[in-house]
Protein backbone atom coordinates (compact mmCIF):
# COMPACT_ATOMS: atom_id res chain seq x y z
CA MET A 1 -235.05 71.75 258.52
CA THR A 2 -231.70 70.55 259.88
CA ASN A 3 -229.59 68.53 257.45
CA GLN A 4 -229.26 65.03 258.91
CA SER A 5 -225.60 64.69 257.99
CA ASP A 6 -224.85 67.91 259.88
CA ALA A 7 -226.92 66.73 262.84
CA LEU A 8 -225.07 63.40 262.94
CA ALA A 9 -221.67 65.07 262.67
CA ILE A 10 -222.52 67.40 265.55
CA ARG A 11 -223.87 64.63 267.76
CA THR A 12 -220.75 62.55 267.11
CA LEU A 13 -218.59 65.53 267.98
CA ILE A 14 -220.38 66.11 271.29
CA GLU A 15 -220.23 62.43 272.27
CA ASN A 16 -216.56 62.28 271.33
CA TRP A 17 -216.01 65.24 273.66
CA GLY A 18 -216.98 63.04 276.60
CA ILE A 19 -215.03 59.99 275.41
CA TYR A 20 -211.81 61.84 274.62
CA ARG A 21 -211.92 64.06 277.69
CA ASP A 22 -212.52 61.24 280.15
CA ALA A 23 -209.89 59.07 278.46
CA ARG A 24 -207.48 62.02 278.51
CA ASP A 25 -206.95 61.61 274.77
CA TRP A 26 -205.98 65.24 274.47
CA ALA A 27 -204.70 65.12 270.89
CA ARG A 28 -208.07 63.98 269.54
CA PHE A 29 -209.95 66.11 272.09
CA ARG A 30 -208.27 69.24 270.70
CA THR A 31 -209.47 68.45 267.15
CA LEU A 32 -213.09 68.97 268.29
CA TRP A 33 -212.51 72.68 268.96
CA HIS A 34 -211.97 75.65 266.71
CA ALA A 35 -208.88 77.69 267.52
CA ASP A 36 -210.96 80.24 269.43
CA GLY A 37 -213.05 77.63 271.26
CA MET A 38 -214.03 78.39 274.86
CA MET A 39 -215.04 76.08 277.71
CA MET A 40 -217.24 77.07 280.64
CA ALA A 41 -217.51 74.94 283.76
CA THR A 42 -218.06 75.41 287.47
CA TRP A 43 -214.33 75.28 288.14
CA PHE A 44 -212.89 76.64 284.87
CA GLN A 45 -213.68 79.30 282.25
CA GLY A 46 -211.28 79.78 279.38
CA ASN A 47 -209.92 78.52 276.08
CA ALA A 48 -209.68 74.90 275.03
CA ASP A 49 -205.90 74.69 275.25
CA THR A 50 -205.88 75.89 278.86
CA PHE A 51 -208.80 73.58 279.68
CA ILE A 52 -206.76 70.62 278.45
CA LYS A 53 -203.77 71.69 280.53
CA VAL A 54 -205.69 72.20 283.78
CA SER A 55 -207.77 69.06 283.25
CA GLN A 56 -204.61 66.95 283.07
CA GLN A 57 -203.16 68.78 286.05
CA GLY A 58 -206.36 68.09 287.97
CA TYR A 59 -206.16 64.40 287.13
CA ASP A 60 -202.53 64.30 288.22
CA ASN A 61 -203.61 65.88 291.52
CA GLY A 62 -206.33 63.29 292.11
CA ALA A 63 -209.44 64.80 290.48
CA ARG A 64 -211.70 62.10 289.00
CA ILE A 65 -214.50 63.31 286.74
CA TRP A 66 -216.66 61.36 284.27
CA HIS A 67 -219.29 62.40 281.70
CA ALA A 68 -222.23 60.50 280.21
CA PHE A 69 -224.69 61.63 277.53
CA ALA A 70 -228.31 60.82 276.75
CA GLY A 71 -230.83 62.73 274.61
CA HIS A 72 -229.59 65.19 272.02
CA ASN A 73 -231.07 68.01 269.94
CA VAL A 74 -229.48 70.33 267.40
CA ASP A 75 -230.67 73.46 265.59
CA VAL A 76 -228.68 74.42 262.49
CA GLN A 77 -228.83 77.74 260.67
CA GLY A 78 -226.44 77.75 257.75
CA LYS A 79 -222.95 77.22 259.12
CA ARG A 80 -223.93 77.74 262.74
CA ALA A 81 -225.57 75.43 265.23
CA ILE A 82 -226.75 75.14 268.81
CA ALA A 83 -226.69 71.64 270.28
CA GLN A 84 -228.35 70.59 273.53
CA SER A 85 -227.30 67.29 275.04
CA LYS A 86 -228.59 65.69 278.22
CA MET A 87 -225.57 64.90 280.36
CA THR A 88 -224.47 63.59 283.72
CA ILE A 89 -221.26 64.66 285.43
CA THR A 90 -219.88 62.38 288.14
CA GLN A 91 -216.99 63.51 290.30
CA ARG A 92 -215.37 61.42 293.05
CA GLY A 93 -213.36 62.94 295.84
CA MET A 94 -212.89 63.43 299.55
CA VAL A 95 -215.50 65.55 301.30
CA GLU A 96 -215.05 66.17 305.02
CA ASN A 97 -212.76 63.12 305.18
CA VAL A 98 -215.35 60.88 303.50
CA LEU A 99 -214.88 59.52 299.96
CA CYS A 100 -217.94 60.67 297.98
CA ASP A 101 -219.49 60.69 294.55
CA VAL A 102 -221.30 63.80 293.36
CA ILE A 103 -223.73 63.19 290.50
CA CYS A 104 -224.91 66.27 288.63
CA THR A 105 -227.44 66.13 285.78
CA GLY A 106 -228.23 68.79 283.23
CA ARG A 107 -227.46 69.74 279.66
CA PHE A 108 -224.55 70.82 277.54
CA TYR A 109 -225.59 73.89 275.55
CA THR A 110 -223.03 74.10 272.78
CA PHE A 111 -222.27 76.76 270.18
CA LEU A 112 -220.79 75.30 266.98
CA GLU A 113 -219.70 76.58 263.61
CA LYS A 114 -218.79 74.92 260.32
CA ARG A 115 -215.48 76.29 259.04
CA ARG A 116 -213.69 75.00 255.97
CA GLY A 117 -216.23 72.20 255.80
CA LYS A 118 -215.74 71.01 259.40
CA TRP A 119 -217.96 71.46 262.44
CA GLY A 120 -216.15 72.55 265.60
CA LEU A 121 -216.84 73.81 269.09
CA VAL A 122 -216.90 77.55 269.66
CA LEU A 123 -218.40 77.61 273.17
CA LEU A 124 -219.51 74.83 275.47
CA GLN A 125 -221.74 75.92 278.36
CA PRO A 126 -223.14 73.37 280.80
CA ILE A 127 -226.57 73.90 282.34
CA TYR A 128 -226.61 72.46 285.86
CA GLU A 129 -230.11 71.29 286.78
CA ARG A 130 -229.75 69.13 289.90
CA ASP A 131 -227.15 67.21 291.87
CA ARG A 132 -226.62 64.98 294.89
CA ILE A 133 -223.76 63.69 297.00
CA ASP A 134 -223.34 60.11 298.21
CA PRO A 135 -220.63 58.52 300.33
CA VAL A 136 -219.00 55.67 298.41
CA ASP A 137 -219.36 53.63 301.59
CA PRO A 138 -223.10 53.83 302.38
CA SER A 139 -222.41 53.34 306.08
CA ALA A 140 -220.11 56.37 306.30
CA LYS A 141 -221.37 59.44 308.15
CA LEU A 142 -221.10 62.64 306.11
CA LYS A 143 -221.68 66.02 307.73
CA LEU A 144 -221.59 69.03 305.41
CA ASN A 145 -221.04 72.66 306.33
CA LYS A 146 -224.53 74.04 305.74
CA THR A 147 -223.32 77.62 305.36
CA LEU A 148 -220.84 76.67 302.65
CA LEU A 149 -223.37 74.42 300.90
CA GLY A 150 -226.06 77.09 300.96
CA GLY A 151 -223.77 79.60 299.28
CA PHE A 152 -223.92 77.74 295.96
CA PRO A 153 -226.77 77.53 293.41
CA VAL A 154 -229.22 74.67 293.92
CA GLY A 155 -228.42 72.96 290.61
CA TYR A 156 -224.79 72.27 291.44
CA ARG A 157 -224.30 73.02 295.12
CA HIS A 158 -222.95 69.58 296.04
CA LEU A 159 -220.59 69.57 293.06
CA ALA A 160 -219.42 73.05 294.02
CA TYR A 161 -218.94 71.92 297.61
CA LEU A 162 -216.70 69.03 296.61
CA GLN A 163 -214.74 71.19 294.16
CA THR A 164 -214.28 73.97 296.71
CA ARG A 165 -213.01 71.52 299.31
CA ALA A 166 -210.61 70.23 296.62
CA GLY A 167 -209.17 73.73 296.21
CA PHE A 168 -211.02 75.00 293.15
CA THR A 169 -212.69 78.41 292.89
CA VAL A 170 -216.26 77.79 291.73
CA LYS A 171 -218.25 80.20 289.56
CA LYS A 172 -221.56 80.92 291.29
CA ASP A 173 -223.73 82.20 288.43
CA MET A 174 -223.87 79.28 286.02
CA PRO A 175 -227.19 78.50 284.27
CA GLY A 176 -229.52 76.14 286.11
CA LEU A 177 -232.97 74.65 285.73
CA ASP A 178 -234.47 78.14 285.42
CA GLY A 179 -233.63 81.75 286.24
CA PRO A 180 -232.01 84.77 284.55
CA GLU A 181 -228.76 82.99 283.70
CA LEU A 182 -230.63 80.37 281.69
CA SER A 183 -232.75 83.00 279.93
CA ALA A 184 -229.62 84.96 279.03
CA LEU A 185 -228.00 81.82 277.62
CA TYR A 186 -231.03 81.12 275.41
CA ARG A 187 -230.92 84.69 274.08
CA LYS A 188 -227.23 84.28 273.37
CA GLY A 189 -228.01 81.10 271.41
CA GLU A 190 -230.68 82.89 269.37
CA ARG A 191 -228.23 85.66 268.51
CA TRP A 192 -225.60 83.08 267.53
CA LEU A 193 -227.98 81.34 265.11
CA ALA A 194 -228.94 84.75 263.70
CA GLY A 195 -225.32 85.38 262.75
CA LYS A 196 -224.32 87.70 265.57
CA LYS A 197 -220.94 87.60 267.29
CA LEU A 198 -220.57 86.03 270.70
CA ALA A 199 -220.27 88.67 273.42
C-alpha cells in the first residue's frame, strides 16, 4: 500500500510542475527534477535543463502554452514511483492566419525516484488522448490542410498541426488513447517499479 505522505509529496510535485512551468518560475521548476531528469513532449525530447531553455525561448518567440491537472494516481514501490495525472494542455497560436486555441486532454505518466530523502522527476511522458482546435473568434473561418493534419496521430493531430505551423518538429509516435506506444510505456513503467533501469 502506498504511503500517504509519499503520495501527497508526489502529487504536490506534479501540480507544482504545471504552476512553475506556466509561470516561467524556472528556478523552482528545476528543483522538481533529478539531475538526469528527462522531458518528453510533442515538440521536445531531452533533459530538464534544455527543456527550460527552449521553453523560455518559445515564450519569447510567442508560444503560449498552459497546463491544468485533474485526477491523480500514484503507485510506489520502495523509492520508485509511477504517477498518472489527468491533464489538459492548451496552446494558443496562429493557424492559417487565424488565431486559435488547441485543447489537448490526456495524462502525464511520470517516472519518479526518491533520492537522499527527496522525490524528483526522472522521466515525464505525456499520453495524448484527444484534442480539438477552435478559432478564438468563433466567426472566423479556419481551413486546415487535410494532408498535413492527417499525417499526425489522432490524439494530438491539431496540437501537432499548430506546432508544425509555428516551426517546431513534432514527434509522431507519442503514446495515445491506445496502441503499441501506450502498451510499451506501461511495460516500461512496470520495469521501473521492479527496479530496472530506464532504457
